[in-house]
Amino acid sequence: MSSNQQIPPWLQEQVARLQQLQQNLQAIMAQKQHLEMEQLETERALEVLKKASDNDTVFKNAGSILIKSTRQSLISELEEKKELSNTRITVLSKQEVRIKENLKEAEAKIKEMLRGAAETGQQQKTTSPK
């Protein structure tokens, strides 16, 4: 296509869909990475808590303050948080796979449409009278 030709609406639509899928994929991957980092922090905190004795004073973070707590309640809380993170990471991973498949399909569709448009343009050039 020369630069003075308009992009066909069907191609604009497919490119817009492709861009939306790419943005969704980036958002999901960022969420997943954030959760994985959060999960690592939780695992480290659990390791430290499990090494502490029942008599040790422990605190939990509540916004900008620390609140005294019991070791066992913090372990339970962190294990629940870890389990929830695992579930969310699993869901995001499935969404990531699905979007990657949709991206491949969209790219293939665009290539196919462009190939078809190019072939149609070639045929028009060869069959048109001079």
C-alpha atoms as a PDB file:
ATOM      1  CA  MET A   1       0.000   0.000   0.000  1.00  0.00           C
ATOM      2  CA  SER A   2       1.260   3.447  -0.776  1.00  0.00           C
ATOM      3  CA  SER A   3       1.299   6.061   1.934  1.00  0.00           C
ATOM      4  CA  ASN A   4      -1.583   8.023   0.374  1.00  0.00           C
ATOM      5  CA  GLN A   5      -3.999   5.072   0.549  1.00  0.00           C
ATOM      6  CA  GLN A   6      -6.339   4.728   3.505  1.00  0.00           C
ATOM      7  CA  ILE A   7      -6.075   1.699   5.755  1.00  0.00           C
ATOM      8  CA  PRO A   8      -9.194  -0.400   5.134  1.00  0.00           C
ATOM      9  CA  PRO A   9     -11.720  -0.460   8.012  1.00  0.00           C
ATOM     10  CA  TRP A  10     -11.443  -4.240   8.385  1.00  0.00           C
ATOM     11  CA  LEU A  11      -7.690  -3.906   8.888  1.00  0.00           C
ATOM     12  CA  GLN A  12      -8.096  -1.007  11.323  1.00  0.00           C
ATOM     13  CA  GLU A  13     -10.526  -3.127  13.329  1.00  0.00           C
ATOM     14  CA  GLN A  14      -8.165  -6.095  13.463  1.00  0.00           C
ATOM     15  CA  VAL A  15      -5.161  -3.939  14.392  1.00  0.00           C
ATOM     16  CA  ALA A  16      -7.196  -2.285  17.155  1.00  0.00           C
ATOM     17  CA  ARG A  17      -8.170  -5.730  18.459  1.00  0.00           C
ATOM     18  CA  LEU A  18      -4.532  -6.824  18.355  1.00  0.00           C
ATOM     19  CA  GLN A  19      -3.449  -3.731  20.279  1.00  0.00           C
ATOM     20  CA  GLN A  20      -6.164  -4.300  22.893  1.00  0.00           C
ATOM     21  CA  LEU A  21      -5.029  -7.888  23.356  1.00  0.00           C
ATOM     22  CA  GLN A  22      -1.425  -6.736  23.766  1.00  0.00           C
ATOM     23  CA  GLN A  23      -2.460  -4.195  26.404  1.00  0.00           C
ATOM     24  CA  ASN A  24      -4.494  -6.838  28.251  1.00  0.00           C
ATOM     25  CA  LEU A  25      -1.527  -9.210  28.164  1.00  0.00           C
ATOM     26  CA  GLN A  26       0.800  -6.553  29.570  1.00  0.00           C
ATOM     27  CA  ALA A  27      -1.657  -5.758  32.377  1.00  0.00           C
ATOM     28  CA  ILE A  28      -2.069  -9.418  33.294  1.00  0.00           C
ATOM     29  CA  MET A  29       1.669 -10.027  33.249  1.00  0.00           C
ATOM     30  CA  ALA A  30       2.239  -6.988  35.499  1.00  0.00           C
ATOM     31  CA  GLN A  31      -0.422  -8.197  37.956  1.00  0.00           C
ATOM     32  CA  LYS A  32       1.064 -11.671  37.943  1.00  0.00           C
ATOM     33  CA  GLN A  33       4.576 -10.353  38.551  1.00  0.00           C
ATOM     34  CA  HIS A  34       3.320  -8.193  41.427  1.00  0.00           C
ATOM     35  CA  LEU A  35       1.573 -11.180  43.002  1.00  0.00           C
ATOM     36  CA  GLU A  36       4.646 -13.367  42.614  1.00  0.00           C
ATOM     37  CA  MET A  37       6.802 -10.767  44.389  1.00  0.00           C
ATOM     38  CA  GLU A  38       4.180 -10.445  47.112  1.00  0.00           C
ATOM     39  CA  GLN A  39       4.135 -14.215  47.452  1.00  0.00           C
ATOM     40  CA  LEU A  40       7.930 -14.346  47.871  1.00  0.00           C
ATOM     41  CA  GLU A  41       7.712 -11.761  50.664  1.00  0.00           C
ATOM     42  CA  THR A  42       4.977 -13.801  52.338  1.00  0.00           C
ATOM     43  CA  GLU A  43       7.062 -16.976  52.117  1.00  0.00           C
ATOM     44  CA  ARG A  44      10.078 -15.213  53.649  1.00  0.00           C
ATOM     45  CA  ALA A  45       7.920 -13.859  56.485  1.00  0.00           C
ATOM     46  CA  LEU A  46       6.517 -17.350  57.097  1.00  0.00           C
ATOM     47  CA  GLU A  47      10.026 -18.816  57.276  1.00  0.00           C
ATOM     48  CA  VAL A  48      11.051 -16.253  59.889  1.00  0.00           C
ATOM     49  CA  LEU A  49       7.852 -16.741  61.894  1.00  0.00           C
ATOM     50  CA  LYS A  50       8.195 -20.512  61.900  1.00  0.00           C
ATOM     51  CA  LYS A  51      11.722 -20.187  63.306  1.00  0.00           C
ATOM     52  CA  ALA A  52      10.511 -17.899  66.112  1.00  0.00           C
ATOM     53  CA  SER A  53       9.381 -19.349  69.415  1.00  0.00           C
ATOM     54  CA  ASP A  54       5.846 -19.033  70.784  1.00  0.00           C
ATOM     55  CA  ASN A  55       7.185 -16.671  73.471  1.00  0.00           C
ATOM     56  CA  ASP A  56       8.645 -14.198  70.974  1.00  0.00           C
ATOM     57  CA  THR A  57       6.763 -10.941  70.570  1.00  0.00           C
ATOM     58  CA  VAL A  58       5.540 -10.496  67.008  1.00  0.00           C
ATOM     59  CA  PHE A  59       3.826  -7.646  65.223  1.00  0.00           C
ATOM     60  CA  LYS A  60       1.854  -7.304  62.038  1.00  0.00           C
ATOM     61  CA  ASN A  61       1.786  -4.343  59.732  1.00  0.00           C
ATOM     62  CA  ALA A  62      -1.544  -2.535  59.538  1.00  0.00           C
ATOM     63  CA  GLY A  63      -1.091   0.414  57.234  1.00  0.00           C
ATOM     64  CA  SER A  64       1.468   2.714  58.792  1.00  0.00           C
ATOM     65  CA  ILE A  65       1.352   1.119  62.257  1.00  0.00           C
ATOM     66  CA  LEU A  66       2.413  -2.166  63.822  1.00  0.00           C
ATOM     67  CA  ILE A  67       0.004  -4.196  65.920  1.00  0.00           C
ATOM     68  CA  LYS A  68       1.072  -6.809  68.454  1.00  0.00           C
ATOM     69  CA  SER A  69      -0.141 -10.270  67.476  1.00  0.00           C
ATOM     70  CA  THR A  70       0.438 -13.926  68.207  1.00  0.00           C
ATOM     71  CA  ARG A  71       2.855 -16.016  66.218  1.00  0.00           C
ATOM     72  CA  GLN A  72       0.214 -18.623  65.350  1.00  0.00           C
ATOM     73  CA  SER A  73      -2.383 -16.122  64.174  1.00  0.00           C
ATOM     74  CA  LEU A  74       0.212 -14.465  61.925  1.00  0.00           C
ATOM     75  CA  ILE A  75       1.268 -17.839  60.509  1.00  0.00           C
ATOM     76  CA  SER A  76      -2.386 -18.657  59.750  1.00  0.00           C
ATOM     77  CA  GLU A  77      -2.931 -15.239  58.193  1.00  0.00           C
ATOM     78  CA  LEU A  78       0.171 -15.492  55.999  1.00  0.00           C
ATOM     79  CA  GLU A  79      -0.608 -19.041  54.899  1.00  0.00           C
ATOM     80  CA  GLU A  80      -4.100 -17.924  53.883  1.00  0.00           C
ATOM     81  CA  LYS A  81      -2.604 -14.962  52.007  1.00  0.00           C
ATOM     82  CA  LYS A  82      -0.159 -17.302  50.267  1.00  0.00           C
ATOM     83  CA  GLU A  83      -2.971 -19.666  49.247  1.00  0.00           C
ATOM     84  CA  LEU A  84      -5.030 -16.773  47.885  1.00  0.00           C
ATOM     85  CA  SER A  85      -2.009 -15.522  45.929  1.00  0.00           C
ATOM     86  CA  ASN A  86      -1.497 -18.993  44.457  1.00  0.00           C
ATOM     87  CA  THR A  87      -5.100 -19.074  43.296  1.00  0.00           C
ATOM     88  CA  ARG A  88      -4.885 -15.614  41.768  1.00  0.00           C
ATOM     89  CA  ILE A  89      -1.596 -16.445  40.030  1.00  0.00           C
ATOM     90  CA  THR A  90      -3.161 -19.598  38.584  1.00  0.00           C
ATOM     91  CA  VAL A  91      -6.117 -17.605  37.244  1.00  0.00           C
ATOM     92  CA  LEU A  92      -3.826 -14.956  35.759  1.00  0.00           C
ATOM     93  CA  SER A  93      -1.638 -17.647  34.169  1.00  0.00           C
ATOM     94  CA  LYS A  94      -4.687 -19.158  32.473  1.00  0.00           C
ATOM     95  CA  GLN A  95      -5.761 -15.714  31.261  1.00  0.00           C
ATOM     96  CA  GLU A  96      -2.229 -15.092  29.988  1.00  0.00           C
ATOM     97  CA  VAL A  97      -2.254 -18.329  27.973  1.00  0.00           C
ATOM     98  CA  ARG A  98      -5.696 -17.534  26.546  1.00  0.00           C
ATOM     99  CA  ILE A  99      -4.690 -14.025  25.512  1.00  0.00           C
ATOM    100  CA  LYS A 100      -1.459 -15.276  23.924  1.00  0.00           C
ATOM    101  CA  GLU A 101      -3.520 -17.732  21.868  1.00  0.00           C
ATOM    102  CA  ASN A 102      -5.910 -14.928  20.863  1.00  0.00           C
ATOM    103  CA  LEU A 103      -2.931 -12.768  19.904  1.00  0.00           C
ATOM    104  CA  LYS A 104      -1.555 -15.497  17.637  1.00  0.00           C
ATOM    105  CA  GLU A 105      -4.972 -15.906  16.013  1.00  0.00           C
ATOM    106  CA  ALA A 106      -5.349 -12.149  15.512  1.00  0.00           C
ATOM    107  CA  GLU A 107      -1.863 -11.861  13.998  1.00  0.00           C
ATOM    108  CA  ALA A 108      -2.561 -14.779  11.673  1.00  0.00           C
ATOM    109  CA  LYS A 109      -5.897 -13.253  10.651  1.00  0.00           C
ATOM    110  CA  ILE A 110      -4.257  -9.906   9.867  1.00  0.00           C
ATOM    111  CA  LYS A 111      -1.539 -11.603   7.804  1.00  0.00           C
ATOM    112  CA  GLU A 112      -4.162 -13.630   5.960  1.00  0.00           C
ATOM    113  CA  MET A 113      -6.260 -10.532   5.263  1.00  0.00           C
ATOM    114  CA  LEU A 114      -3.207  -8.611   4.054  1.00  0.00           C
ATOM    115  CA  ARG A 115      -2.147 -11.512   1.852  1.00  0.00           C
ATOM    116  CA  GLY A 116      -5.664 -11.692   0.404  1.00  0.00           C
ATOM    117  CA  ALA A 117      -5.719  -7.935  -0.196  1.00  0.00           C
ATOM    118  CA  ALA A 118      -2.288  -8.063  -1.834  1.00  0.00           C
ATOM    119  CA  GLU A 119      -3.349 -10.939  -4.092  1.00  0.00           C
ATOM    120  CA  THR A 120      -6.537  -9.095  -5.037  1.00  0.00           C
ATOM    121  CA  GLY A 121      -4.468  -6.004  -5.824  1.00  0.00           C
ATOM    122  CA  GLN A 122      -2.064  -8.087  -7.941  1.00  0.00           C
ATOM    123  CA  GLN A 123      -4.937  -9.629  -9.863  1.00  0.00           C
ATOM    124  CA  GLN A 124      -6.473  -6.228 -10.529  1.00  0.00           C
ATOM    125  CA  LYS A 125      -3.148  -4.942 -11.883  1.00  0.00           C
ATOM    126  CA  THR A 126      -2.625  -7.916 -14.204  1.00  0.00           C
ATOM    127  CA  THR A 127      -6.216  -8.051 -15.472  1.00  0.00           C
ATOM    128  CA  SER A 128      -6.796  -4.334 -15.951  1.00  0.00           C
ATOM    129  CA  PRO A 129      -6.392  -2.996 -19.506  1.00  0.00           C
ATOM    130  CA  LYS A 130      -3.366  -0.852 -20.299  1.00  0.00           C
END
